[in-house]
């Protein structure tokens, strides 16, 4: 496959990372140190990103979590010792405030079902990080949205009937608010792009939390993605990106 069209999109994502306000202390757990070296380059692009530790084993991750107090972690499925997916599930269960990104190798849906059913914010595929998709994943990890690789998203989508029932309960404005939330936009950004006040955005957010039966914004974003109310990109094409109605970055679309 010719990946040449993805070069410009990947370069553009670097500029977006530079312009994104970040406050992240990051732990990386991977048998391959490449993601860590890559993130040290991003540190130079954006000083708000701080890589605090890298390790290759699940047991080491627990020790470093207590020692370094990261607020986000990137875990690869392949570790020297331990299982990355099981580690993500355990980390989220014991540290629900820790934002997690799993980078998987398998293209089958079965390994990712535990993460999908849990609250892991970002599920990415190692083979499909180009064309700005890596930026999409980082954007969701660091800014409060949710992301699942479009290919996996199609495989993992749950009940169509449940999605229809929930979507029927939402107004067009609530769908716009939800789209911005999944994309990682804050209340102020959503208000500005939709030309409404911040208190109005907060009111809509409260209603969405009730309708989707969530107790915080992070769970609201992940539930919207799990239900298929929003998706990132287009699964059938590696070169097609959605266009964000809110102008807040690369972007989820409504089904």
Protein backbone atom coordinates (compact mmCIF):
# COMPACT_ATOMS: atom_id res chain seq x y z
CA UNK A 1 0.00 0.00 0.00
CA UNK A 2 1.22 3.49 -0.86
CA UNK A 3 1.42 5.50 2.40
CA UNK A 4 2.83 8.61 0.74
CA UNK A 5 -0.44 10.59 1.18
CA UNK A 6 -0.09 10.17 4.95
CA UNK A 7 3.23 12.03 5.15
CA UNK A 8 1.75 15.53 5.07
CA UNK A 9 -0.97 14.62 7.58
CA UNK A 10 1.62 13.21 9.97
CA UNK A 11 3.77 16.35 9.66
CA UNK A 12 0.72 18.53 10.29
CA UNK A 13 0.00 16.60 13.50
CA UNK A 14 3.37 17.76 14.91
CA UNK A 15 2.29 21.38 14.55
CA UNK A 16 -0.99 20.62 16.31
CA UNK A 17 0.83 18.93 19.18
CA UNK A 18 3.02 22.01 19.54
CA UNK A 19 -0.04 24.26 19.74
CA UNK A 20 -1.97 22.07 22.19
CA UNK A 21 -1.89 23.14 25.86
CA UNK A 22 -0.70 20.12 27.84
CA UNK A 23 -0.09 19.31 31.50
CA UNK A 24 0.85 15.64 31.39
CA UNK A 25 3.16 13.41 33.43
CA UNK A 26 3.50 10.28 31.34
CA UNK A 27 4.51 6.69 32.06
CA UNK A 28 5.29 4.35 29.13
CA UNK A 29 5.19 0.56 29.49
CA UNK A 30 6.52 -1.26 26.43
CA UNK A 31 8.89 -4.06 25.45
CA UNK A 32 9.95 -1.80 22.58
CA UNK A 33 11.53 1.50 23.74
CA UNK A 34 10.63 3.23 20.46
CA UNK A 35 7.45 4.91 21.82
CA UNK A 36 9.49 6.36 24.67
CA UNK A 37 12.14 7.80 22.40
CA UNK A 38 9.41 9.23 20.19
CA UNK A 39 7.76 10.92 23.17
CA UNK A 40 11.04 12.52 24.23
CA UNK A 41 10.96 14.25 20.84
CA UNK A 42 7.43 15.44 21.56
CA UNK A 43 8.69 16.83 24.89
CA UNK A 44 10.80 19.27 22.89
CA UNK A 45 7.80 20.17 20.75
CA UNK A 46 5.54 20.79 23.75
CA UNK A 47 7.05 21.57 27.19
CA UNK A 48 3.73 20.69 28.89
CA UNK A 49 4.44 17.02 28.20
CA UNK A 50 6.82 15.34 30.65
CA UNK A 51 7.89 11.72 30.23
CA UNK A 52 8.61 10.62 33.81
CA UNK A 53 9.40 6.90 33.38
CA UNK A 54 9.73 4.04 30.88
CA UNK A 55 9.68 0.35 31.73
CA UNK A 56 9.23 -2.99 29.99
CA UNK A 57 7.46 -5.16 32.59
CA UNK A 58 4.05 -5.02 34.28
CA UNK A 59 5.50 -5.28 37.81
CA UNK A 60 7.83 -2.37 37.12
CA UNK A 61 4.85 -0.30 36.01
CA UNK A 62 3.17 -0.61 39.40
CA UNK A 63 6.33 0.46 41.22
CA UNK A 64 6.90 3.45 38.94
CA UNK A 65 3.26 4.47 39.19
CA UNK A 66 3.61 4.92 42.94
CA UNK A 67 7.08 6.48 42.66
CA UNK A 68 6.52 8.98 39.84
CA UNK A 69 2.78 9.73 40.17
CA UNK A 70 1.98 10.05 36.44
CA UNK A 71 -1.46 11.25 35.38
CA UNK A 72 -1.37 9.34 32.06
CA UNK A 73 0.13 6.08 30.82
CA UNK A 74 0.78 4.53 27.43
CA UNK A 75 0.90 0.73 27.54
CA UNK A 76 1.85 -1.52 24.63
CA UNK A 77 0.23 -4.93 24.43
CA UNK A 78 3.62 -6.66 24.12
CA UNK A 79 5.72 -6.51 27.30
CA UNK A 80 8.86 -8.35 28.36
CA UNK A 81 6.93 -9.73 31.30
CA UNK A 82 3.20 -9.51 31.79
CA UNK A 83 0.30 -8.72 29.48
CA UNK A 84 -0.29 -5.11 28.44
CA UNK A 85 -4.05 -5.43 28.08
CA UNK A 86 -4.44 -7.09 31.49
CA UNK A 87 -2.20 -4.40 32.96
CA UNK A 88 -4.39 -1.64 31.51
CA UNK A 89 -7.53 -3.21 32.96
CA UNK A 90 -5.93 -3.56 36.40
CA UNK A 91 -4.52 -0.02 36.35
CA UNK A 92 -7.89 1.47 35.46
CA UNK A 93 -9.62 -0.55 38.15
CA UNK A 94 -7.23 0.55 40.90
CA UNK A 95 -6.48 4.05 39.60
CA UNK A 96 -9.61 5.25 37.78
CA UNK A 97 -8.30 8.81 37.42
CA UNK A 98 -5.23 7.63 35.48
CA UNK A 99 -5.80 8.19 31.76
CA UNK A 100 -4.75 5.19 29.71
CA UNK A 101 -3.74 4.52 26.12
CA UNK A 102 -3.26 0.95 24.90
CA UNK A 103 -1.23 0.42 21.73
CA UNK A 104 -2.12 -3.03 20.39
CA UNK A 105 -0.64 -5.23 17.71
CA UNK A 106 -3.51 -7.64 17.01
CA UNK A 107 -6.11 -6.76 14.37
CA UNK A 108 -8.68 -9.10 15.95
CA UNK A 109 -11.31 -7.61 18.22
CA UNK A 110 -11.24 -10.31 20.92
CA UNK A 111 -8.12 -9.11 22.80
CA UNK A 112 -9.57 -5.60 23.15
CA UNK A 113 -13.02 -6.52 24.49
CA UNK A 114 -11.98 -6.17 28.19
CA UNK A 115 -10.68 -2.65 27.48
CA UNK A 116 -13.78 -1.81 25.45
CA UNK A 117 -16.05 -2.91 28.28
CA UNK A 118 -13.94 -0.98 30.80
CA UNK A 119 -13.02 2.68 30.86
CA UNK A 120 -9.72 2.73 28.94
CA UNK A 121 -9.82 6.10 27.18
CA UNK A 122 -7.66 5.33 24.14
CA UNK A 123 -7.26 2.14 22.09
CA UNK A 124 -4.81 2.51 19.21
CA UNK A 125 -3.21 0.10 16.75
CA UNK A 126 0.54 0.00 16.24
CA UNK A 127 0.22 -0.56 12.49
CA UNK A 128 -2.14 2.38 12.04
CA UNK A 129 -0.47 5.35 13.71
CA UNK A 130 0.23 7.47 10.62
CA UNK A 131 -1.79 10.12 8.88
CA UNK A 132 -2.46 12.06 12.06
CA UNK A 133 -4.03 9.12 13.90
CA UNK A 134 -1.29 9.18 16.53
CA UNK A 135 -2.12 12.82 17.18
CA UNK A 136 -5.79 11.90 17.50
CA UNK A 137 -4.90 9.32 20.14
CA UNK A 138 -2.63 11.72 22.06
CA UNK A 139 -5.25 14.47 21.86
CA UNK A 140 -7.81 12.20 23.50
CA UNK A 141 -5.35 10.88 26.09
CA UNK A 142 -4.10 14.25 27.28
CA UNK A 143 -7.13 16.51 26.82
CA UNK A 144 -9.99 14.42 28.12
CA UNK A 145 -11.62 12.91 25.06
CA UNK A 146 -11.90 9.29 23.94
CA UNK A 147 -10.42 7.45 20.95
CA UNK A 148 -10.60 4.04 19.35
CA UNK A 149 -8.91 3.20 16.08
CA UNK A 150 -11.64 3.38 13.40
CA UNK A 151 -10.95 -0.18 12.23
CA UNK A 152 -11.35 -1.56 15.76
CA UNK A 153 -14.28 0.73 16.44
CA UNK A 154 -16.29 -0.90 13.67
CA UNK A 155 -15.50 -4.36 15.01
CA UNK A 156 -16.25 -3.52 18.63
CA UNK A 157 -19.44 -1.51 18.35
CA UNK A 158 -22.13 -2.78 20.68
CA UNK A 159 -25.86 -3.03 20.37
CA UNK A 160 -27.31 -1.05 17.48
CA UNK A 161 -30.67 -1.03 19.22
CA UNK A 162 -29.17 0.50 22.37
CA UNK A 163 -27.41 3.13 20.25
CA UNK A 164 -30.68 4.01 18.54
CA UNK A 165 -32.53 4.30 21.83
CA UNK A 166 -29.90 6.59 23.35
CA UNK A 167 -29.55 8.71 20.21
CA UNK A 168 -33.31 9.23 20.07
CA UNK A 169 -33.11 10.73 23.56
CA UNK A 170 -30.55 13.36 22.54
CA UNK A 171 -31.29 16.71 20.94
CA UNK A 172 -29.21 18.00 17.98
CA UNK A 173 -27.51 20.48 20.32
CA UNK A 174 -26.66 17.74 22.81
CA UNK A 175 -25.12 15.72 19.97
CA UNK A 176 -22.95 18.74 19.09
CA UNK A 177 -21.85 19.07 22.72
CA UNK A 178 -21.10 15.35 22.89
CA UNK A 179 -19.06 15.51 19.68
CA UNK A 180 -16.90 18.25 21.14
CA UNK A 181 -16.42 16.34 24.39
CA UNK A 182 -15.28 13.16 22.63
CA UNK A 183 -12.87 15.29 20.59
CA UNK A 184 -11.26 16.59 23.79
CA UNK A 185 -12.70 20.12 23.74
CA UNK A 186 -13.26 21.99 27.00
CA UNK A 187 -16.45 23.85 27.86
CA UNK A 188 -14.98 27.15 26.72
CA UNK A 189 -13.94 25.79 23.32
CA UNK A 190 -17.34 24.20 22.75
CA UNK A 191 -19.11 27.40 23.77
CA UNK A 192 -16.99 29.49 21.42
CA UNK A 193 -17.45 27.24 18.42
CA UNK A 194 -21.20 26.84 18.93
CA UNK A 195 -21.71 30.53 19.80
CA UNK A 196 -23.36 29.76 23.13
CA UNK A 197 -22.41 30.58 26.71
CA UNK A 198 -20.28 28.40 28.96
CA UNK A 199 -23.13 28.05 31.51
CA UNK A 200 -25.33 26.75 28.68
CA UNK A 201 -22.67 24.19 27.77
CA UNK A 202 -22.50 23.11 31.42
CA UNK A 203 -26.29 22.72 31.52
CA UNK A 204 -26.23 20.51 28.44
CA UNK A 205 -23.34 18.52 29.92
CA UNK A 206 -25.33 17.85 33.09
CA UNK A 207 -28.26 16.58 31.03
CA UNK A 208 -25.93 14.35 28.97
CA UNK A 209 -24.40 12.88 32.13
CA UNK A 210 -27.88 11.97 33.32
CA UNK A 211 -29.13 10.62 30.01
CA UNK A 212 -26.07 8.43 29.43
CA UNK A 213 -25.91 7.46 33.12
CA UNK A 214 -22.34 8.64 33.73
CA UNK A 215 -20.83 10.34 36.77
CA UNK A 216 -18.03 12.28 35.06
CA UNK A 217 -16.94 13.71 31.71
CA UNK A 218 -14.36 11.02 30.99
CA UNK A 219 -16.88 8.22 31.34
CA UNK A 220 -19.34 10.23 29.26
CA UNK A 221 -16.82 10.48 26.42
CA UNK A 222 -15.92 6.79 26.52
CA UNK A 223 -19.59 5.73 26.72
CA UNK A 224 -20.45 7.86 23.69
CA UNK A 225 -17.70 6.14 21.76
CA UNK A 226 -18.69 2.68 23.01
CA UNK A 227 -22.29 3.24 21.93
CA UNK A 228 -21.21 4.43 18.50
CA UNK A 229 -22.73 7.88 18.93
CA UNK A 230 -19.44 9.26 17.60
CA UNK A 231 -16.50 7.75 15.78
CA UNK A 232 -13.02 8.84 14.72
CA UNK A 233 -12.17 8.97 11.04
CA UNK A 234 -13.37 6.41 8.51
CA UNK A 235 -12.48 2.78 9.07
CA UNK A 236 -12.44 1.81 5.41
CA UNK A 237 -9.76 4.34 4.44
CA UNK A 238 -6.34 5.08 5.91
CA UNK A 239 -6.21 8.43 4.14
CA UNK A 240 -9.65 9.86 4.93
CA UNK A 241 -10.06 12.10 7.96
CA UNK A 242 -13.24 13.59 9.28
CA UNK A 243 -13.79 17.33 9.49
CA UNK A 244 -14.47 18.68 12.93
CA UNK A 245 -17.55 20.88 13.09
CA UNK A 246 -16.15 22.43 16.27
CA UNK A 247 -12.72 23.13 14.86
CA UNK A 248 -11.04 21.49 17.85
CA UNK A 249 -8.72 19.14 16.03
CA UNK A 250 -9.02 15.84 14.24
CA UNK A 251 -12.28 14.60 14.82
CA UNK A 252 -15.02 12.45 15.69
CA UNK A 253 -18.02 12.24 13.40
CA UNK A 254 -21.56 11.26 14.25
CA UNK A 255 -22.94 8.11 12.73
